[in-house]
Every structure is written in structure tokens, then in C-alpha cells.
Amino acid sequence: MKILKEMTISEVVRNYPESVEVLFSFGMGCVGCPSAQAETIEEACQVHGIEVEKLIKALNDNIK
């Protein structure tokens, strides 16, 4: 399975625990917050001012 921008943060963390490091490195400390349960990677990127494609690439590179 590949990480997609439509996936929720909690889904990514649940399926790929090693992704937490990457999320933190991009300034996303929201891994455990209630918003992470329903917020997609794309939505979180918009809130945090992060380029979604860069984050998705880093996440997928990390799980290879």
C-alpha cells in the first residue's frame, strides 16, 4: 500500500508507525491530536503550510 494525500494522519501512523519521524520532521506535531483521527494528510498540510507532494514523497520514501 502506498501513502496517499487522501489518507488520514491516524491511518498513516497506524499502518506505518515509522512515518511519525517524517511527520515530525515536517513540523507536524499533530500525530496524537484529535484532529489526526479525521484530518487527511492534504488537509493537515494546508493547515501547517506544508507542500503536500513533498511530504507524500518523504513518507513513501521512508516506507520503502
N, C-alpha and C. Protein backbone atom coordinates (compact mmCIF):
# COMPACT_ATOMS: atom_id res chain seq x y z
N MET A 1 0.84 -1.19 0.00
CA MET A 1 0.00 0.00 0.00
C MET A 1 0.88 1.24 0.00
N LYS A 2 0.45 2.22 -0.72
CA LYS A 2 1.18 3.47 -0.84
C LYS A 2 0.46 4.56 -0.05
N ILE A 3 1.22 5.44 0.55
CA ILE A 3 0.62 6.56 1.28
C ILE A 3 0.13 7.60 0.28
N LEU A 4 -1.12 7.99 0.45
CA LEU A 4 -1.76 8.97 -0.43
C LEU A 4 -2.21 10.17 0.38
N LYS A 5 -2.32 11.32 -0.27
CA LYS A 5 -2.71 12.55 0.42
C LYS A 5 -4.13 12.49 0.96
N GLU A 6 -4.94 11.58 0.45
CA GLU A 6 -6.32 11.44 0.92
C GLU A 6 -6.45 10.61 2.19
N MET A 7 -5.36 9.98 2.60
CA MET A 7 -5.38 9.16 3.81
C MET A 7 -5.35 10.06 5.04
N THR A 8 -5.99 9.61 6.13
CA THR A 8 -5.93 10.39 7.37
C THR A 8 -4.58 10.18 8.02
N ILE A 9 -4.22 11.12 8.86
CA ILE A 9 -2.95 11.03 9.59
C ILE A 9 -2.96 9.77 10.45
N SER A 10 -4.06 9.52 11.13
CA SER A 10 -4.12 8.34 12.01
C SER A 10 -4.00 7.05 11.21
N GLU A 11 -4.55 7.00 10.02
CA GLU A 11 -4.44 5.82 9.16
C GLU A 11 -2.98 5.57 8.77
N VAL A 12 -2.29 6.63 8.42
CA VAL A 12 -0.88 6.51 8.04
C VAL A 12 -0.05 6.03 9.23
N VAL A 13 -0.26 6.65 10.38
CA VAL A 13 0.51 6.28 11.58
C VAL A 13 0.21 4.85 12.01
N ARG A 14 -1.04 4.45 11.92
CA ARG A 14 -1.43 3.09 12.30
C ARG A 14 -0.78 2.05 11.38
N ASN A 15 -0.80 2.32 10.07
CA ASN A 15 -0.26 1.36 9.11
C ASN A 15 1.25 1.45 8.94
N TYR A 16 1.81 2.62 9.20
CA TYR A 16 3.25 2.85 9.02
C TYR A 16 3.79 3.63 10.22
N PRO A 17 3.98 2.99 11.36
CA PRO A 17 4.44 3.70 12.55
C PRO A 17 5.74 4.48 12.35
N GLU A 18 6.56 4.00 11.42
CA GLU A 18 7.83 4.69 11.16
C GLU A 18 7.60 6.07 10.51
N SER A 19 6.39 6.34 10.07
CA SER A 19 6.08 7.63 9.43
C SER A 19 6.03 8.78 10.43
N VAL A 20 5.91 8.47 11.71
CA VAL A 20 5.85 9.52 12.74
C VAL A 20 7.08 10.41 12.66
N GLU A 21 8.26 9.81 12.50
CA GLU A 21 9.50 10.59 12.38
C GLU A 21 9.43 11.60 11.25
N VAL A 22 8.92 11.16 10.10
CA VAL A 22 8.83 12.03 8.93
C VAL A 22 7.84 13.16 9.20
N LEU A 23 6.69 12.84 9.77
CA LEU A 23 5.70 13.87 10.08
C LEU A 23 6.28 14.92 11.02
N PHE A 24 6.98 14.47 12.06
CA PHE A 24 7.61 15.40 13.00
C PHE A 24 8.66 16.26 12.29
N SER A 25 9.42 15.67 11.39
CA SER A 25 10.48 16.42 10.70
C SER A 25 9.91 17.53 9.82
N PHE A 26 8.66 17.39 9.42
CA PHE A 26 7.99 18.42 8.63
C PHE A 26 7.23 19.41 9.51
N GLY A 27 7.35 19.27 10.83
CA GLY A 27 6.70 20.19 11.75
C GLY A 27 5.28 19.82 12.10
N MET A 28 4.90 18.58 11.82
CA MET A 28 3.56 18.12 12.15
C MET A 28 3.59 17.40 13.48
N GLY A 29 3.31 18.14 14.53
CA GLY A 29 3.27 17.54 15.85
C GLY A 29 1.87 17.04 16.19
N CYS A 30 1.01 17.02 15.20
CA CYS A 30 -0.40 16.69 15.41
C CYS A 30 -0.68 15.20 15.36
N VAL A 31 0.32 14.38 15.38
CA VAL A 31 0.16 12.94 15.23
C VAL A 31 -0.83 12.38 16.25
N GLY A 32 -0.78 12.84 17.48
CA GLY A 32 -1.67 12.30 18.51
C GLY A 32 -2.87 13.15 18.83
N CYS A 33 -3.04 14.27 18.15
CA CYS A 33 -4.16 15.15 18.49
C CYS A 33 -5.47 14.62 17.90
N PRO A 34 -6.59 15.02 18.47
CA PRO A 34 -7.89 14.53 17.99
C PRO A 34 -8.15 14.81 16.50
N SER A 35 -7.63 15.88 15.98
CA SER A 35 -7.82 16.20 14.56
C SER A 35 -7.23 15.13 13.66
N ALA A 36 -6.18 14.48 14.12
CA ALA A 36 -5.50 13.47 13.31
C ALA A 36 -6.40 12.28 12.98
N GLN A 37 -7.43 12.09 13.76
CA GLN A 37 -8.34 10.97 13.51
C GLN A 37 -9.11 11.13 12.21
N ALA A 38 -9.47 12.36 11.86
CA ALA A 38 -10.29 12.58 10.66
C ALA A 38 -9.62 13.45 9.61
N GLU A 39 -8.53 14.11 9.97
CA GLU A 39 -7.86 15.03 9.05
C GLU A 39 -6.97 14.26 8.08
N THR A 40 -7.11 14.57 6.80
CA THR A 40 -6.26 13.93 5.80
C THR A 40 -4.88 14.58 5.79
N ILE A 41 -3.94 13.89 5.17
CA ILE A 41 -2.59 14.44 5.02
C ILE A 41 -2.68 15.77 4.28
N GLU A 42 -3.49 15.82 3.24
CA GLU A 42 -3.63 17.04 2.45
C GLU A 42 -4.18 18.19 3.30
N GLU A 43 -5.19 17.93 4.09
CA GLU A 43 -5.78 18.97 4.95
C GLU A 43 -4.76 19.45 5.99
N ALA A 44 -4.03 18.53 6.57
CA ALA A 44 -3.02 18.90 7.57
C ALA A 44 -1.92 19.75 6.94
N CYS A 45 -1.55 19.43 5.72
CA CYS A 45 -0.54 20.22 5.02
C CYS A 45 -1.03 21.65 4.78
N GLN A 46 -2.28 21.79 4.44
CA GLN A 46 -2.84 23.13 4.21
C GLN A 46 -2.81 23.94 5.50
N VAL A 47 -3.18 23.31 6.61
CA VAL A 47 -3.19 23.98 7.90
C VAL A 47 -1.78 24.40 8.33
N HIS A 48 -0.80 23.53 8.06
CA HIS A 48 0.57 23.77 8.51
C HIS A 48 1.45 24.46 7.47
N GLY A 49 0.90 24.76 6.29
CA GLY A 49 1.68 25.43 5.25
C GLY A 49 2.78 24.57 4.67
N ILE A 50 2.51 23.29 4.51
CA ILE A 50 3.50 22.33 4.00
C ILE A 50 3.08 21.90 2.60
N GLU A 51 4.06 21.75 1.72
CA GLU A 51 3.78 21.27 0.37
C GLU A 51 3.45 19.78 0.45
N VAL A 52 2.22 19.45 0.11
CA VAL A 52 1.73 18.08 0.28
C VAL A 52 2.54 17.07 -0.53
N GLU A 53 2.94 17.42 -1.74
CA GLU A 53 3.69 16.46 -2.57
C GLU A 53 5.05 16.13 -1.98
N LYS A 54 5.69 17.12 -1.35
CA LYS A 54 6.99 16.88 -0.71
C LYS A 54 6.83 15.92 0.47
N LEU A 55 5.77 16.14 1.26
CA LEU A 55 5.54 15.28 2.41
C LEU A 55 5.19 13.87 1.97
N ILE A 56 4.32 13.73 0.98
CA ILE A 56 3.93 12.40 0.48
C ILE A 56 5.15 11.65 -0.03
N LYS A 57 6.02 12.35 -0.76
CA LYS A 57 7.24 11.71 -1.29
C LYS A 57 8.12 11.23 -0.13
N ALA A 58 8.31 12.09 0.86
CA ALA A 58 9.15 11.72 2.01
C ALA A 58 8.55 10.53 2.77
N LEU A 59 7.23 10.52 2.94
CA LEU A 59 6.58 9.41 3.63
C LEU A 59 6.76 8.11 2.87
N ASN A 60 6.52 8.15 1.57
CA ASN A 60 6.65 6.94 0.77
C ASN A 60 8.09 6.47 0.65
N ASP A 61 9.03 7.41 0.57
CA ASP A 61 10.45 7.04 0.54
C ASP A 61 10.85 6.34 1.84
N ASN A 62 10.24 6.77 2.94
CA ASN A 62 10.57 6.22 4.25
C ASN A 62 10.07 4.79 4.44
N ILE A 63 9.01 4.40 3.74
CA ILE A 63 8.45 3.07 3.94
C ILE A 63 8.98 2.03 2.96
N LYS A 64 9.83 2.44 2.02
CA LYS A 64 10.36 1.50 1.03
C LYS A 64 11.35 0.54 1.63
